[in-house]
Amino acid sequence: MTKLSLTNICKWSGCFLVCAGAVCTSFQIHPANIYLLNAASVMYLIWGIRIKELNQIVVNLFLIGIYLIGILR
């Protein structure tokens, strides 16, 4: 059985949030898709930091930056 920890909660929350964001994007449910994908990136960023996985940190910082630029534009 998988241990319940902050690391696993962030990993699986990120997974479900990406799926929900993709569904909202597919059905053009705006701005929910943007909020869900941003939340997913934050969860995956926290997960990447906790497991010390540099590529996850870089990708999710980039995604958060791009999403913020899109929101502010």
N, C-alpha and C. Protein backbone atom coordinates (compact mmCIF):
# COMPACT_ATOMS: atom_id res chain seq x y z
N MET A 1 0.85 -1.19 0.00
CA MET A 1 0.00 0.00 0.00
C MET A 1 0.89 1.25 0.00
N THR A 2 0.46 2.26 -0.72
CA THR A 2 1.22 3.50 -0.82
C THR A 2 1.11 4.29 0.48
N LYS A 3 2.26 4.76 0.94
CA LYS A 3 2.31 5.56 2.16
C LYS A 3 1.69 6.93 1.91
N LEU A 4 0.81 7.35 2.81
CA LEU A 4 0.20 8.67 2.71
C LEU A 4 1.19 9.70 3.23
N SER A 5 1.69 10.51 2.33
CA SER A 5 2.65 11.55 2.70
C SER A 5 2.37 12.78 1.84
N LEU A 6 2.94 13.90 2.25
CA LEU A 6 2.77 15.12 1.48
C LEU A 6 3.29 14.94 0.06
N THR A 7 4.38 14.20 -0.10
CA THR A 7 4.95 13.96 -1.42
C THR A 7 3.94 13.22 -2.30
N ASN A 8 3.35 12.16 -1.79
CA ASN A 8 2.37 11.41 -2.58
C ASN A 8 1.09 12.20 -2.82
N ILE A 9 0.67 12.98 -1.85
CA ILE A 9 -0.52 13.81 -2.03
C ILE A 9 -0.29 14.82 -3.15
N CYS A 10 0.88 15.46 -3.16
CA CYS A 10 1.19 16.43 -4.22
C CYS A 10 1.26 15.75 -5.58
N LYS A 11 1.90 14.59 -5.64
CA LYS A 11 2.05 13.87 -6.90
C LYS A 11 0.68 13.50 -7.48
N TRP A 12 -0.18 12.88 -6.67
CA TRP A 12 -1.48 12.43 -7.16
C TRP A 12 -2.45 13.59 -7.37
N SER A 13 -2.36 14.61 -6.55
CA SER A 13 -3.19 15.81 -6.77
C SER A 13 -2.83 16.44 -8.10
N GLY A 14 -1.54 16.55 -8.37
CA GLY A 14 -1.08 17.09 -9.66
C GLY A 14 -1.62 16.28 -10.82
N CYS A 15 -1.58 14.97 -10.69
CA CYS A 15 -2.08 14.07 -11.74
C CYS A 15 -3.56 14.32 -12.01
N PHE A 16 -4.37 14.34 -10.97
CA PHE A 16 -5.81 14.54 -11.14
C PHE A 16 -6.14 15.95 -11.65
N LEU A 17 -5.37 16.94 -11.18
CA LEU A 17 -5.61 18.31 -11.64
C LEU A 17 -5.27 18.48 -13.12
N VAL A 18 -4.20 17.84 -13.59
CA VAL A 18 -3.86 17.89 -15.01
C VAL A 18 -4.98 17.25 -15.83
N CYS A 19 -5.47 16.11 -15.38
CA CYS A 19 -6.56 15.43 -16.10
C CYS A 19 -7.80 16.32 -16.14
N ALA A 20 -8.15 16.91 -15.01
CA ALA A 20 -9.33 17.79 -14.96
C ALA A 20 -9.12 19.02 -15.84
N GLY A 21 -7.92 19.58 -15.83
CA GLY A 21 -7.61 20.73 -16.68
C GLY A 21 -7.69 20.38 -18.15
N ALA A 22 -7.24 19.19 -18.52
CA ALA A 22 -7.32 18.74 -19.91
C ALA A 22 -8.77 18.56 -20.35
N VAL A 23 -9.60 18.03 -19.46
CA VAL A 23 -11.02 17.87 -19.77
C VAL A 23 -11.65 19.25 -19.99
N CYS A 24 -11.36 20.17 -19.10
CA CYS A 24 -11.92 21.53 -19.23
C CYS A 24 -11.43 22.21 -20.50
N THR A 25 -10.17 22.00 -20.86
CA THR A 25 -9.65 22.57 -22.10
C THR A 25 -10.35 21.95 -23.30
N SER A 26 -10.53 20.64 -23.29
CA SER A 26 -11.18 19.93 -24.39
C SER A 26 -12.61 20.42 -24.61
N PHE A 27 -13.31 20.70 -23.51
CA PHE A 27 -14.70 21.15 -23.62
C PHE A 27 -14.82 22.68 -23.54
N GLN A 28 -13.68 23.36 -23.66
CA GLN A 28 -13.61 24.83 -23.65
C GLN A 28 -14.33 25.44 -22.45
N ILE A 29 -14.01 24.90 -21.28
CA ILE A 29 -14.55 25.43 -20.03
C ILE A 29 -13.50 26.39 -19.46
N HIS A 30 -13.72 27.67 -19.76
CA HIS A 30 -12.78 28.70 -19.37
C HIS A 30 -13.37 29.52 -18.23
N PRO A 31 -12.66 30.00 -17.29
CA PRO A 31 -11.23 29.88 -17.04
C PRO A 31 -10.86 28.70 -16.14
N ALA A 32 -11.80 27.78 -15.91
CA ALA A 32 -11.51 26.64 -15.01
C ALA A 32 -10.28 25.87 -15.46
N ASN A 33 -10.12 25.70 -16.79
CA ASN A 33 -8.96 24.97 -17.28
C ASN A 33 -7.66 25.64 -16.86
N ILE A 34 -7.62 26.93 -16.90
CA ILE A 34 -6.40 27.66 -16.53
C ILE A 34 -6.11 27.48 -15.04
N TYR A 35 -7.13 27.62 -14.21
CA TYR A 35 -6.92 27.46 -12.77
C TYR A 35 -6.50 26.04 -12.41
N LEU A 36 -7.12 25.05 -13.04
CA LEU A 36 -6.77 23.66 -12.75
C LEU A 36 -5.34 23.34 -13.19
N LEU A 37 -4.94 23.80 -14.38
CA LEU A 37 -3.59 23.52 -14.85
C LEU A 37 -2.54 24.27 -14.04
N ASN A 38 -2.87 25.48 -13.58
CA ASN A 38 -1.96 26.20 -12.68
C ASN A 38 -1.80 25.45 -11.36
N ALA A 39 -2.90 25.00 -10.81
CA ALA A 39 -2.85 24.26 -9.55
C ALA A 39 -2.05 22.97 -9.72
N ALA A 40 -2.21 22.31 -10.87
CA ALA A 40 -1.44 21.10 -11.14
C ALA A 40 0.06 21.40 -11.18
N SER A 41 0.42 22.49 -11.83
CA SER A 41 1.84 22.87 -11.91
C SER A 41 2.41 23.16 -10.53
N VAL A 42 1.62 23.81 -9.69
CA VAL A 42 2.08 24.08 -8.32
C VAL A 42 2.28 22.78 -7.55
N MET A 43 1.33 21.85 -7.69
CA MET A 43 1.47 20.55 -7.00
C MET A 43 2.70 19.80 -7.49
N TYR A 44 2.89 19.78 -8.81
CA TYR A 44 4.06 19.09 -9.36
C TYR A 44 5.36 19.81 -9.00
N LEU A 45 5.32 21.13 -8.87
CA LEU A 45 6.50 21.87 -8.44
C LEU A 45 6.87 21.48 -7.01
N ILE A 46 5.90 21.45 -6.13
CA ILE A 46 6.15 21.04 -4.75
C ILE A 46 6.68 19.61 -4.71
N TRP A 47 6.07 18.73 -5.50
CA TRP A 47 6.52 17.34 -5.58
C TRP A 47 7.97 17.26 -6.07
N GLY A 48 8.28 18.02 -7.13
CA GLY A 48 9.63 18.02 -7.67
C GLY A 48 10.66 18.51 -6.66
N ILE A 49 10.30 19.52 -5.90
CA ILE A 49 11.20 20.03 -4.86
C ILE A 49 11.40 18.98 -3.78
N ARG A 50 10.32 18.33 -3.38
CA ARG A 50 10.41 17.33 -2.30
C ARG A 50 11.24 16.11 -2.70
N ILE A 51 11.17 15.71 -3.97
CA ILE A 51 11.95 14.56 -4.40
C ILE A 51 13.28 14.97 -5.02
N LYS A 52 13.54 16.29 -5.04
CA LYS A 52 14.79 16.84 -5.57
C LYS A 52 15.02 16.43 -7.03
N GLU A 53 13.96 16.58 -7.83
CA GLU A 53 14.02 16.25 -9.26
C GLU A 53 14.05 17.55 -10.06
N LEU A 54 15.25 17.92 -10.50
CA LEU A 54 15.47 19.22 -11.12
C LEU A 54 14.63 19.42 -12.38
N ASN A 55 14.47 18.38 -13.21
CA ASN A 55 13.69 18.58 -14.44
C ASN A 55 12.23 18.90 -14.13
N GLN A 56 11.65 18.30 -13.10
CA GLN A 56 10.28 18.62 -12.70
C GLN A 56 10.17 20.06 -12.19
N ILE A 57 11.17 20.48 -11.45
CA ILE A 57 11.19 21.85 -10.93
C ILE A 57 11.24 22.84 -12.08
N VAL A 58 12.15 22.62 -13.03
CA VAL A 58 12.32 23.54 -14.16
C VAL A 58 11.07 23.58 -15.03
N VAL A 59 10.53 22.43 -15.40
CA VAL A 59 9.35 22.38 -16.25
C VAL A 59 8.17 23.09 -15.60
N ASN A 60 7.96 22.84 -14.32
CA ASN A 60 6.79 23.43 -13.67
C ASN A 60 6.97 24.90 -13.36
N LEU A 61 8.18 25.35 -13.09
CA LEU A 61 8.41 26.80 -12.97
C LEU A 61 8.14 27.48 -14.30
N PHE A 62 8.58 26.86 -15.39
CA PHE A 62 8.32 27.40 -16.72
C PHE A 62 6.82 27.47 -16.99
N LEU A 63 6.10 26.39 -16.71
CA LEU A 63 4.66 26.37 -16.94
C LEU A 63 3.94 27.42 -16.12
N ILE A 64 4.30 27.54 -14.86
CA ILE A 64 3.67 28.55 -14.01
C ILE A 64 3.93 29.94 -14.57
N GLY A 65 5.15 30.19 -15.02
CA GLY A 65 5.49 31.49 -15.62
C GLY A 65 4.66 31.78 -16.86
N ILE A 66 4.55 30.78 -17.74
CA ILE A 66 3.77 30.95 -18.97
C ILE A 66 2.29 31.17 -18.64
N TYR A 67 1.77 30.38 -17.70
CA TYR A 67 0.36 30.56 -17.31
C TYR A 67 0.12 31.95 -16.73
N LEU A 68 1.04 32.43 -15.91
CA LEU A 68 0.87 33.76 -15.30
C LEU A 68 0.92 34.85 -16.37
N ILE A 69 1.82 34.70 -17.34
CA ILE A 69 1.87 35.67 -18.44
C ILE A 69 0.54 35.68 -19.19
N GLY A 70 -0.01 34.49 -19.44
CA GLY A 70 -1.29 34.39 -20.15
C GLY A 70 -2.43 35.00 -19.35
N ILE A 71 -2.42 34.79 -18.04
CA ILE A 71 -3.48 35.36 -17.20
C ILE A 71 -3.39 36.88 -17.16
N LEU A 72 -2.18 37.40 -17.03
CA LEU A 72 -1.99 38.85 -16.92
C LEU A 72 -2.19 39.57 -18.25
N ARG A 73 -2.03 38.87 -19.32
CA ARG A 73 -2.21 39.44 -20.65
C ARG A 73 -3.66 39.57 -20.93
